mmCIF file of all heavy atoms, coordinates in Angstrom:
data_MODEL
# 
_entry.id   MODEL 
# 
loop_
_atom_site.group_PDB 
_atom_site.id 
_atom_site.type_symbol 
_atom_site.label_atom_id 
_atom_site.label_alt_id 
_atom_site.label_comp_id 
_atom_site.label_asym_id 
_atom_site.label_entity_id 
_atom_site.label_seq_id 
_atom_site.pdbx_PDB_ins_code 
_atom_site.Cartn_x 
_atom_site.Cartn_y 
_atom_site.Cartn_z 
_atom_site.occupancy 
_atom_site.B_iso_or_equiv 
_atom_site.pdbx_formal_charge 
_atom_site.auth_seq_id 
_atom_site.auth_comp_id 
_atom_site.auth_asym_id 
_atom_site.auth_atom_id 
_atom_site.pdbx_PDB_model_num 
ATOM 1   N N   . GLU A 1 1  ? 7.148   0.189  -16.076 1.00 0.00 ? 1  GLU A N   1 
ATOM 2   C CA  . GLU A 1 1  ? 7.984   0.782  -15.026 1.00 0.00 ? 1  GLU A CA  1 
ATOM 3   C C   . GLU A 1 1  ? 7.160   1.447  -13.933 1.00 0.00 ? 1  GLU A C   1 
ATOM 4   O O   . GLU A 1 1  ? 7.469   1.335  -12.752 1.00 0.00 ? 1  GLU A O   1 
ATOM 5   C CB  . GLU A 1 1  ? 8.981   1.755  -15.641 1.00 0.00 ? 1  GLU A CB  1 
ATOM 6   C CG  . GLU A 1 1  ? 10.032  1.044  -16.468 1.00 0.00 ? 1  GLU A CG  1 
ATOM 7   C CD  . GLU A 1 1  ? 10.981  2.002  -17.166 1.00 0.00 ? 1  GLU A CD  1 
ATOM 8   O OE1 . GLU A 1 1  ? 11.026  3.188  -16.795 1.00 0.00 ? 1  GLU A OE1 1 
ATOM 9   O OE2 . GLU A 1 1  ? 11.680  1.541  -18.090 1.00 0.00 ? 1  GLU A OE2 1 
ATOM 10  N N   . MET A 1 2  ? 6.083   2.138  -14.322 1.00 0.00 ? 2  MET A N   1 
ATOM 11  C CA  . MET A 1 2  ? 5.267   2.819  -13.321 1.00 0.00 ? 2  MET A CA  1 
ATOM 12  C C   . MET A 1 2  ? 4.546   1.804  -12.432 1.00 0.00 ? 2  MET A C   1 
ATOM 13  O O   . MET A 1 2  ? 4.477   1.977  -11.213 1.00 0.00 ? 2  MET A O   1 
ATOM 14  C CB  . MET A 1 2  ? 4.247   3.732  -13.995 1.00 0.00 ? 2  MET A CB  1 
ATOM 15  C CG  . MET A 1 2  ? 3.465   4.565  -13.002 1.00 0.00 ? 2  MET A CG  1 
ATOM 16  S SD  . MET A 1 2  ? 2.257   5.660  -13.762 1.00 0.00 ? 2  MET A SD  1 
ATOM 17  C CE  . MET A 1 2  ? 3.327   6.839  -14.534 1.00 0.00 ? 2  MET A CE  1 
ATOM 18  N N   . LEU A 1 3  ? 4.052   0.729  -13.015 1.00 0.00 ? 3  LEU A N   1 
ATOM 19  C CA  . LEU A 1 3  ? 3.366   -0.308 -12.244 1.00 0.00 ? 3  LEU A CA  1 
ATOM 20  C C   . LEU A 1 3  ? 4.337   -0.981 -11.276 1.00 0.00 ? 3  LEU A C   1 
ATOM 21  O O   . LEU A 1 3  ? 4.004   -1.208 -10.113 1.00 0.00 ? 3  LEU A O   1 
ATOM 22  C CB  . LEU A 1 3  ? 2.745   -1.343 -13.181 1.00 0.00 ? 3  LEU A CB  1 
ATOM 23  C CG  . LEU A 1 3  ? 2.048   -2.529 -12.524 1.00 0.00 ? 3  LEU A CG  1 
ATOM 24  C CD1 . LEU A 1 3  ? 0.859   -2.059 -11.668 1.00 0.00 ? 3  LEU A CD1 1 
ATOM 25  C CD2 . LEU A 1 3  ? 1.584   -3.513 -13.577 1.00 0.00 ? 3  LEU A CD2 1 
ATOM 26  N N   . ILE A 1 4  ? 5.525   -1.275 -11.732 1.00 0.00 ? 4  ILE A N   1 
ATOM 27  C CA  . ILE A 1 4  ? 6.530   -1.927 -10.877 1.00 0.00 ? 4  ILE A CA  1 
ATOM 28  C C   . ILE A 1 4  ? 6.951   -0.997 -9.743  1.00 0.00 ? 4  ILE A C   1 
ATOM 29  O O   . ILE A 1 4  ? 7.081   -1.421 -8.593  1.00 0.00 ? 4  ILE A O   1 
ATOM 30  C CB  . ILE A 1 4  ? 7.740   -2.391 -11.721 1.00 0.00 ? 4  ILE A CB  1 
ATOM 31  C CG1 . ILE A 1 4  ? 7.282   -3.482 -12.700 1.00 0.00 ? 4  ILE A CG1 1 
ATOM 32  C CG2 . ILE A 1 4  ? 8.875   -2.879 -10.825 1.00 0.00 ? 4  ILE A CG2 1 
ATOM 33  C CD1 . ILE A 1 4  ? 8.260   -3.762 -13.820 1.00 0.00 ? 4  ILE A CD1 1 
ATOM 34  N N   . ALA A 1 5  ? 7.116   0.285  -10.058 1.00 0.00 ? 5  ALA A N   1 
ATOM 35  C CA  . ALA A 1 5  ? 7.469   1.263  -9.018  1.00 0.00 ? 5  ALA A CA  1 
ATOM 36  C C   . ALA A 1 5  ? 6.350   1.379  -7.990  1.00 0.00 ? 5  ALA A C   1 
ATOM 37  O O   . ALA A 1 5  ? 6.606   1.442  -6.779  1.00 0.00 ? 5  ALA A O   1 
ATOM 38  C CB  . ALA A 1 5  ? 7.766   2.621  -9.650  1.00 0.00 ? 5  ALA A CB  1 
ATOM 39  N N   . GLU A 1 6  ? 5.105   1.397  -8.461  1.00 0.00 ? 6  GLU A N   1 
ATOM 40  C CA  . GLU A 1 6  ? 3.978   1.475  -7.540  1.00 0.00 ? 6  GLU A CA  1 
ATOM 41  C C   . GLU A 1 6  ? 3.916   0.224  -6.666  1.00 0.00 ? 6  GLU A C   1 
ATOM 42  O O   . GLU A 1 6  ? 3.668   0.305  -5.458  1.00 0.00 ? 6  GLU A O   1 
ATOM 43  C CB  . GLU A 1 6  ? 2.666   1.642  -8.295  1.00 0.00 ? 6  GLU A CB  1 
ATOM 44  C CG  . GLU A 1 6  ? 1.473   1.760  -7.370  1.00 0.00 ? 6  GLU A CG  1 
ATOM 45  C CD  . GLU A 1 6  ? 0.156   1.958  -8.106  1.00 0.00 ? 6  GLU A CD  1 
ATOM 46  O OE1 . GLU A 1 6  ? 0.117   1.871  -9.342  1.00 0.00 ? 6  GLU A OE1 1 
ATOM 47  O OE2 . GLU A 1 6  ? -0.838  2.190  -7.414  1.00 0.00 ? 6  GLU A OE2 1 
ATOM 48  N N   . ALA A 1 7  ? 4.145   -0.939 -7.246  1.00 0.00 ? 7  ALA A N   1 
ATOM 49  C CA  . ALA A 1 7  ? 4.120   -2.187 -6.484  1.00 0.00 ? 7  ALA A CA  1 
ATOM 50  C C   . ALA A 1 7  ? 5.178   -2.167 -5.390  1.00 0.00 ? 7  ALA A C   1 
ATOM 51  O O   . ALA A 1 7  ? 4.905   -2.545 -4.238  1.00 0.00 ? 7  ALA A O   1 
ATOM 52  C CB  . ALA A 1 7  ? 4.329   -3.379 -7.414  1.00 0.00 ? 7  ALA A CB  1 
ATOM 53  N N   . THR A 1 8  ? 6.371   -1.718 -5.733  1.00 0.00 ? 8  THR A N   1 
ATOM 54  C CA  . THR A 1 8  ? 7.453   -1.639 -4.749  1.00 0.00 ? 8  THR A CA  1 
ATOM 55  C C   . THR A 1 8  ? 7.072   -0.696 -3.619  1.00 0.00 ? 8  THR A C   1 
ATOM 56  O O   . THR A 1 8  ? 7.244   -1.004 -2.437  1.00 0.00 ? 8  THR A O   1 
ATOM 57  C CB  . THR A 1 8  ? 8.754   -1.171 -5.436  1.00 0.00 ? 8  THR A CB  1 
ATOM 58  O OG1 . THR A 1 8  ? 9.061   -2.084 -6.495  1.00 0.00 ? 8  THR A OG1 1 
ATOM 59  C CG2 . THR A 1 8  ? 9.908   -1.119 -4.456  1.00 0.00 ? 8  THR A CG2 1 
ATOM 60  N N   . HIS A 1 9  ? 6.519   0.452  -3.990  1.00 0.00 ? 9  HIS A N   1 
ATOM 61  C CA  . HIS A 1 9  ? 6.096   1.447  -2.994  1.00 0.00 ? 9  HIS A CA  1 
ATOM 62  C C   . HIS A 1 9  ? 4.979   0.894  -2.094  1.00 0.00 ? 9  HIS A C   1 
ATOM 63  O O   . HIS A 1 9  ? 5.017   1.063  -0.875  1.00 0.00 ? 9  HIS A O   1 
ATOM 64  C CB  . HIS A 1 9  ? 5.641   2.724  -3.705  1.00 0.00 ? 9  HIS A CB  1 
ATOM 65  C CG  . HIS A 1 9  ? 5.130   3.772  -2.781  1.00 0.00 ? 9  HIS A CG  1 
ATOM 66  N ND1 . HIS A 1 9  ? 5.956   4.467  -1.920  1.00 0.00 ? 9  HIS A ND1 1 
ATOM 67  C CD2 . HIS A 1 9  ? 3.878   4.228  -2.566  1.00 0.00 ? 9  HIS A CD2 1 
ATOM 68  C CE1 . HIS A 1 9  ? 5.218   5.311  -1.218  1.00 0.00 ? 9  HIS A CE1 1 
ATOM 69  N NE2 . HIS A 1 9  ? 3.955   5.190  -1.589  1.00 0.00 ? 9  HIS A NE2 1 
ATOM 70  N N   . MET A 1 10 ? 4.006   0.236  -2.690  1.00 0.00 ? 10 MET A N   1 
ATOM 71  C CA  . MET A 1 10 ? 2.891   -0.303 -1.911  1.00 0.00 ? 10 MET A CA  1 
ATOM 72  C C   . MET A 1 10 ? 3.351   -1.390 -0.940  1.00 0.00 ? 10 MET A C   1 
ATOM 73  O O   . MET A 1 10 ? 2.813   -1.509 0.161   1.00 0.00 ? 10 MET A O   1 
ATOM 74  C CB  . MET A 1 10 ? 1.794   -0.829 -2.840  1.00 0.00 ? 10 MET A CB  1 
ATOM 75  C CG  . MET A 1 10 ? 1.120   0.247  -3.662  1.00 0.00 ? 10 MET A CG  1 
ATOM 76  S SD  . MET A 1 10 ? 0.444   1.611  -2.696  1.00 0.00 ? 10 MET A SD  1 
ATOM 77  C CE  . MET A 1 10 ? -0.972  0.824  -1.965  1.00 0.00 ? 10 MET A CE  1 
ATOM 78  N N   . LEU A 1 11 ? 4.346   -2.178 -1.330  1.00 0.00 ? 11 LEU A N   1 
ATOM 79  C CA  . LEU A 1 11 ? 4.878   -3.188 -0.411  1.00 0.00 ? 11 LEU A CA  1 
ATOM 80  C C   . LEU A 1 11 ? 5.632   -2.536 0.744   1.00 0.00 ? 11 LEU A C   1 
ATOM 81  O O   . LEU A 1 11 ? 5.606   -3.037 1.870   1.00 0.00 ? 11 LEU A O   1 
ATOM 82  C CB  . LEU A 1 11 ? 5.767   -4.178 -1.163  1.00 0.00 ? 11 LEU A CB  1 
ATOM 83  C CG  . LEU A 1 11 ? 5.007   -5.131 -2.077  1.00 0.00 ? 11 LEU A CG  1 
ATOM 84  C CD1 . LEU A 1 11 ? 5.979   -5.965 -2.904  1.00 0.00 ? 11 LEU A CD1 1 
ATOM 85  C CD2 . LEU A 1 11 ? 4.059   -6.021 -1.286  1.00 0.00 ? 11 LEU A CD2 1 
ATOM 86  N N   . GLU A 1 12 ? 6.294   -1.415 0.473   1.00 0.00 ? 12 GLU A N   1 
ATOM 87  C CA  . GLU A 1 12 ? 6.947   -0.670 1.558   1.00 0.00 ? 12 GLU A CA  1 
ATOM 88  C C   . GLU A 1 12 ? 5.895   -0.151 2.539   1.00 0.00 ? 12 GLU A C   1 
ATOM 89  O O   . GLU A 1 12 ? 6.080   -0.222 3.757   1.00 0.00 ? 12 GLU A O   1 
ATOM 90  C CB  . GLU A 1 12 ? 7.766   0.486  0.995   1.00 0.00 ? 12 GLU A CB  1 
ATOM 91  C CG  . GLU A 1 12 ? 8.996   0.043  0.238   1.00 0.00 ? 12 GLU A CG  1 
ATOM 92  C CD  . GLU A 1 12 ? 9.660   1.178  -0.537  1.00 0.00 ? 12 GLU A CD  1 
ATOM 93  O OE1 . GLU A 1 12 ? 9.186   2.336  -0.464  1.00 0.00 ? 12 GLU A OE1 1 
ATOM 94  O OE2 . GLU A 1 12 ? 10.656  0.901  -1.221  1.00 0.00 ? 12 GLU A OE2 1 
ATOM 95  N N   . ILE A 1 13 ? 4.786   0.366  2.007   1.00 0.00 ? 13 ILE A N   1 
ATOM 96  C CA  . ILE A 1 13 ? 3.698   0.860  2.858   1.00 0.00 ? 13 ILE A CA  1 
ATOM 97  C C   . ILE A 1 13 ? 3.085   -0.292 3.657   1.00 0.00 ? 13 ILE A C   1 
ATOM 98  O O   . ILE A 1 13 ? 2.790   -0.149 4.840   1.00 0.00 ? 13 ILE A O   1 
ATOM 99  C CB  . ILE A 1 13 ? 2.621   1.565  2.005   1.00 0.00 ? 13 ILE A CB  1 
ATOM 100 C CG1 . ILE A 1 13 ? 3.173   2.879  1.463   1.00 0.00 ? 13 ILE A CG1 1 
ATOM 101 C CG2 . ILE A 1 13 ? 1.356   1.804  2.816   1.00 0.00 ? 13 ILE A CG2 1 
ATOM 102 C CD1 . ILE A 1 13 ? 2.259   3.567  0.475   1.00 0.00 ? 13 ILE A CD1 1 
ATOM 103 N N   . ALA A 1 14 ? 2.915   -1.450 3.011   1.00 0.00 ? 14 ALA A N   1 
ATOM 104 C CA  . ALA A 1 14 ? 2.304   -2.611 3.678   1.00 0.00 ? 14 ALA A CA  1 
ATOM 105 C C   . ALA A 1 14 ? 3.144   -3.099 4.853   1.00 0.00 ? 14 ALA A C   1 
ATOM 106 O O   . ALA A 1 14 ? 2.612   -3.708 5.780   1.00 0.00 ? 14 ALA A O   1 
ATOM 107 C CB  . ALA A 1 14 ? 2.091   -3.736 2.672   1.00 0.00 ? 14 ALA A CB  1 
ATOM 108 N N   . ALA A 1 15 ? 4.442   -2.822 4.818   1.00 0.00 ? 15 ALA A N   1 
ATOM 109 C CA  . ALA A 1 15 ? 5.324   -3.258 5.897   1.00 0.00 ? 15 ALA A CA  1 
ATOM 110 C C   . ALA A 1 15 ? 5.166   -2.393 7.155   1.00 0.00 ? 15 ALA A C   1 
ATOM 111 O O   . ALA A 1 15 ? 5.572   -2.795 8.241   1.00 0.00 ? 15 ALA A O   1 
ATOM 112 C CB  . ALA A 1 15 ? 6.773   -3.231 5.427   1.00 0.00 ? 15 ALA A CB  1 
ATOM 113 N N   . ARG A 1 16 ? 4.549   -1.218 7.000   1.00 0.00 ? 16 ARG A N   1 
ATOM 114 C CA  . ARG A 1 16 ? 4.327   -0.323 8.135   1.00 0.00 ? 16 ARG A CA  1 
ATOM 115 C C   . ARG A 1 16 ? 3.030   -0.706 8.850   1.00 0.00 ? 16 ARG A C   1 
ATOM 116 O O   . ARG A 1 16 ? 2.148   -1.312 8.262   1.00 0.00 ? 16 ARG A O   1 
ATOM 117 C CB  . ARG A 1 16 ? 4.201   1.124  7.655   1.00 0.00 ? 16 ARG A CB  1 
ATOM 118 C CG  . ARG A 1 16 ? 5.390   1.625  6.910   1.00 0.00 ? 16 ARG A CG  1 
ATOM 119 C CD  . ARG A 1 16 ? 5.129   3.039  6.437   1.00 0.00 ? 16 ARG A CD  1 
ATOM 120 N NE  . ARG A 1 16 ? 6.019   3.375  5.333   1.00 0.00 ? 16 ARG A NE  1 
ATOM 121 C CZ  . ARG A 1 16 ? 5.765   4.279  4.428   1.00 0.00 ? 16 ARG A CZ  1 
ATOM 122 N NH1 . ARG A 1 16 ? 4.641   4.968  4.457   1.00 0.00 ? 16 ARG A NH1 1 
ATOM 123 N NH2 . ARG A 1 16 ? 6.631   4.520  3.463   1.00 0.00 ? 16 ARG A NH2 1 
ATOM 124 N N   . PRO A 1 17 ? 2.895   -0.296 10.105  1.00 0.00 ? 17 PRO A N   1 
ATOM 125 C CA  . PRO A 1 17 ? 1.626   -0.550 10.803  1.00 0.00 ? 17 PRO A CA  1 
ATOM 126 C C   . PRO A 1 17 ? 0.483   0.189  10.102  1.00 0.00 ? 17 PRO A C   1 
ATOM 127 O O   . PRO A 1 17 ? 0.677   1.314  9.631   1.00 0.00 ? 17 PRO A O   1 
ATOM 128 C CB  . PRO A 1 17 ? 1.858   0.025  12.211  1.00 0.00 ? 17 PRO A CB  1 
ATOM 129 C CG  . PRO A 1 17 ? 3.328   0.187  12.347  1.00 0.00 ? 17 PRO A CG  1 
ATOM 130 C CD  . PRO A 1 17 ? 3.891   0.337  10.965  1.00 0.00 ? 17 PRO A CD  1 
ATOM 131 N N   . PRO A 1 18 ? -0.689  -0.420 10.022  1.00 0.00 ? 18 PRO A N   1 
ATOM 132 C CA  . PRO A 1 18 ? -1.805  0.244  9.354   1.00 0.00 ? 18 PRO A CA  1 
ATOM 133 C C   . PRO A 1 18 ? -2.231  1.503  10.104  1.00 0.00 ? 18 PRO A C   1 
ATOM 134 O O   . PRO A 1 18 ? -2.227  1.529  11.326  1.00 0.00 ? 18 PRO A O   1 
ATOM 135 C CB  . PRO A 1 18 ? -2.917  -0.791 9.362   1.00 0.00 ? 18 PRO A CB  1 
ATOM 136 C CG  . PRO A 1 18 ? -2.514  -1.824 10.338  1.00 0.00 ? 18 PRO A CG  1 
ATOM 137 C CD  . PRO A 1 18 ? -1.040  -1.731 10.519  1.00 0.00 ? 18 PRO A CD  1 
ATOM 138 N N   . ARG A 1 19 ? -2.574  2.554  9.342   1.00 0.00 ? 19 ARG A N   1 
ATOM 139 C CA  . ARG A 1 19 ? -2.996  3.821  9.951   1.00 0.00 ? 19 ARG A CA  1 
ATOM 140 C C   . ARG A 1 19 ? -4.506  3.996  9.954   1.00 0.00 ? 19 ARG A C   1 
ATOM 141 O O   . ARG A 1 19 ? -5.044  4.664  10.818  1.00 0.00 ? 19 ARG A O   1 
ATOM 142 C CB  . ARG A 1 19 ? -2.385  4.995  9.185   1.00 0.00 ? 19 ARG A CB  1 
ATOM 143 C CG  . ARG A 1 19 ? -0.893  5.076  9.311   1.00 0.00 ? 19 ARG A CG  1 
ATOM 144 C CD  . ARG A 1 19 ? -0.342  6.271  8.595   1.00 0.00 ? 19 ARG A CD  1 
ATOM 145 N NE  . ARG A 1 19 ? -1.418  7.161  8.174   1.00 0.00 ? 19 ARG A NE  1 
ATOM 146 C CZ  . ARG A 1 19 ? -1.275  8.192  7.379   1.00 0.00 ? 19 ARG A CZ  1 
ATOM 147 N NH1 . ARG A 1 19 ? -0.112  8.477  6.899   1.00 0.00 ? 19 ARG A NH1 1 
ATOM 148 N NH2 . ARG A 1 19 ? -2.294  8.944  7.042   1.00 0.00 ? 19 ARG A NH2 1 
ATOM 149 N N   . VAL A 1 20 ? -5.158  3.465  8.962   1.00 0.00 ? 20 VAL A N   1 
ATOM 150 C CA  . VAL A 1 20 ? -6.606  3.652  8.869   1.00 0.00 ? 20 VAL A CA  1 
ATOM 151 C C   . VAL A 1 20 ? -7.265  2.336  8.470   1.00 0.00 ? 20 VAL A C   1 
ATOM 152 O O   . VAL A 1 20 ? -6.642  1.474  7.879   1.00 0.00 ? 20 VAL A O   1 
ATOM 153 C CB  . VAL A 1 20 ? -6.991  4.743  7.836   1.00 0.00 ? 20 VAL A CB  1 
ATOM 154 C CG1 . VAL A 1 20 ? -6.500  6.101  8.276   1.00 0.00 ? 20 VAL A CG1 1 
ATOM 155 C CG2 . VAL A 1 20 ? -6.470  4.408  6.461   1.00 0.00 ? 20 VAL A CG2 1 
ATOM 156 N N   . ASP A 1 21 ? -8.526  2.216  8.811   1.00 0.00 ? 21 ASP A N   1 
ATOM 157 C CA  . ASP A 1 21 ? -9.320  1.077  8.368   1.00 0.00 ? 21 ASP A CA  1 
ATOM 158 C C   . ASP A 1 21 ? -10.013 1.453  7.069   1.00 0.00 ? 21 ASP A C   1 
ATOM 159 O O   . ASP A 1 21 ? -10.346 2.617  6.850   1.00 0.00 ? 21 ASP A O   1 
ATOM 160 C CB  . ASP A 1 21 ? -10.397 0.729  9.394   1.00 0.00 ? 21 ASP A CB  1 
ATOM 161 C CG  . ASP A 1 21 ? -9.819  0.232  10.704  1.00 0.00 ? 21 ASP A CG  1 
ATOM 162 O OD1 . ASP A 1 21 ? -8.659  -0.186 10.716  1.00 0.00 ? 21 ASP A OD1 1 
ATOM 163 O OD2 . ASP A 1 21 ? -10.545 0.272  11.710  1.00 0.00 ? 21 ASP A OD2 1 
ATOM 164 N N   . LYS A 1 22 ? -10.244 0.486  6.214   1.00 0.00 ? 22 LYS A N   1 
ATOM 165 C CA  . LYS A 1 22 ? -11.061 0.705  5.023   1.00 0.00 ? 22 LYS A CA  1 
ATOM 166 C C   . LYS A 1 22 ? -12.419 0.110  5.310   1.00 0.00 ? 22 LYS A C   1 
ATOM 167 O O   . LYS A 1 22 ? -12.526 -1.022 5.761   1.00 0.00 ? 22 LYS A O   1 
ATOM 168 C CB  . LYS A 1 22 ? -10.463 0.040  3.791   1.00 0.00 ? 22 LYS A CB  1 
ATOM 169 C CG  . LYS A 1 22 ? -9.390  0.866  3.154   1.00 0.00 ? 22 LYS A CG  1 
ATOM 170 C CD  . LYS A 1 22 ? -9.194  0.466  1.710   1.00 0.00 ? 22 LYS A CD  1 
ATOM 171 C CE  . LYS A 1 22 ? -8.179  1.390  1.101   1.00 0.00 ? 22 LYS A CE  1 
ATOM 172 N NZ  . LYS A 1 22 ? -7.941  1.135  -0.278  1.00 0.00 ? 22 LYS A NZ  1 
ATOM 173 N N   . VAL A 1 23 ? -13.454 0.881  5.046   1.00 0.00 ? 23 VAL A N   1 
ATOM 174 C CA  . VAL A 1 23 ? -14.817 0.444  5.304   1.00 0.00 ? 23 VAL A CA  1 
ATOM 175 C C   . VAL A 1 23 ? -15.548 0.391  3.964   1.00 0.00 ? 23 VAL A C   1 
ATOM 176 O O   . VAL A 1 23 ? -15.527 1.342  3.203   1.00 0.00 ? 23 VAL A O   1 
ATOM 177 C CB  . VAL A 1 23 ? -15.539 1.412  6.269   1.00 0.00 ? 23 VAL A CB  1 
ATOM 178 C CG1 . VAL A 1 23 ? -16.971 0.959  6.513   1.00 0.00 ? 23 VAL A CG1 1 
ATOM 179 C CG2 . VAL A 1 23 ? -14.773 1.517  7.578   1.00 0.00 ? 23 VAL A CG2 1 
ATOM 180 N N   . TYR A 1 24 ? -16.178 -0.748 3.702   1.00 0.00 ? 24 TYR A N   1 
ATOM 181 C CA  . TYR A 1 24 ? -16.936 -0.950 2.477   1.00 0.00 ? 24 TYR A CA  1 
ATOM 182 C C   . TYR A 1 24 ? -18.400 -1.175 2.836   1.00 0.00 ? 24 TYR A C   1 
ATOM 183 O O   . TYR A 1 24 ? -18.702 -1.941 3.751   1.00 0.00 ? 24 TYR A O   1 
ATOM 184 C CB  . TYR A 1 24 ? -16.424 -2.182 1.712   1.00 0.00 ? 24 TYR A CB  1 
ATOM 185 C CG  . TYR A 1 24 ? -15.019 -2.035 1.198   1.00 0.00 ? 24 TYR A CG  1 
ATOM 186 C CD1 . TYR A 1 24 ? -13.942 -2.442 1.984   1.00 0.00 ? 24 TYR A CD1 1 
ATOM 187 C CD2 . TYR A 1 24 ? -14.780 -1.495 -0.052  1.00 0.00 ? 24 TYR A CD2 1 
ATOM 188 C CE1 . TYR A 1 24 ? -12.645 -2.302 1.506   1.00 0.00 ? 24 TYR A CE1 1 
ATOM 189 C CE2 . TYR A 1 24 ? -13.481 -1.356 -0.518  1.00 0.00 ? 24 TYR A CE2 1 
ATOM 190 C CZ  . TYR A 1 24 ? -12.423 -1.761 0.258   1.00 0.00 ? 24 TYR A CZ  1 
ATOM 191 O OH  . TYR A 1 24 ? -11.143 -1.627 -0.195  1.00 0.00 ? 24 TYR A OH  1 
ATOM 192 N N   . TYR A 1 25 ? -19.271 -0.480 2.137   1.00 0.00 ? 25 TYR A N   1 
ATOM 193 C CA  . TYR A 1 25 ? -20.719 -0.675 2.300   1.00 0.00 ? 25 TYR A CA  1 
ATOM 194 C C   . TYR A 1 25 ? -21.301 -1.269 1.034   1.00 0.00 ? 25 TYR A C   1 
ATOM 195 O O   . TYR A 1 25 ? -20.927 -0.863 -0.066  1.00 0.00 ? 25 TYR A O   1 
ATOM 196 C CB  . TYR A 1 25 ? -21.432 0.659  2.555   1.00 0.00 ? 25 TYR A CB  1 
ATOM 197 C CG  . TYR A 1 25 ? -21.279 1.183  3.953   1.00 0.00 ? 25 TYR A CG  1 
ATOM 198 C CD1 . TYR A 1 25 ? -20.234 2.027  4.308   1.00 0.00 ? 25 TYR A CD1 1 
ATOM 199 C CD2 . TYR A 1 25 ? -22.198 0.845  4.932   1.00 0.00 ? 25 TYR A CD2 1 
ATOM 200 C CE1 . TYR A 1 25 ? -20.110 2.509  5.581   1.00 0.00 ? 25 TYR A CE1 1 
ATOM 201 C CE2 . TYR A 1 25 ? -22.084 1.336  6.226   1.00 0.00 ? 25 TYR A CE2 1 
ATOM 202 C CZ  . TYR A 1 25 ? -21.028 2.168  6.545   1.00 0.00 ? 25 TYR A CZ  1 
ATOM 203 O OH  . TYR A 1 25 ? -20.914 2.646  7.818   1.00 0.00 ? 25 TYR A OH  1 
# 
């Protein structure tokens, strides 16, 4: 249930315009 709830939440966030860049070194 927690994983499914997180997935649903993350897809809602993904639908919004990005706020920050992720930088990997």
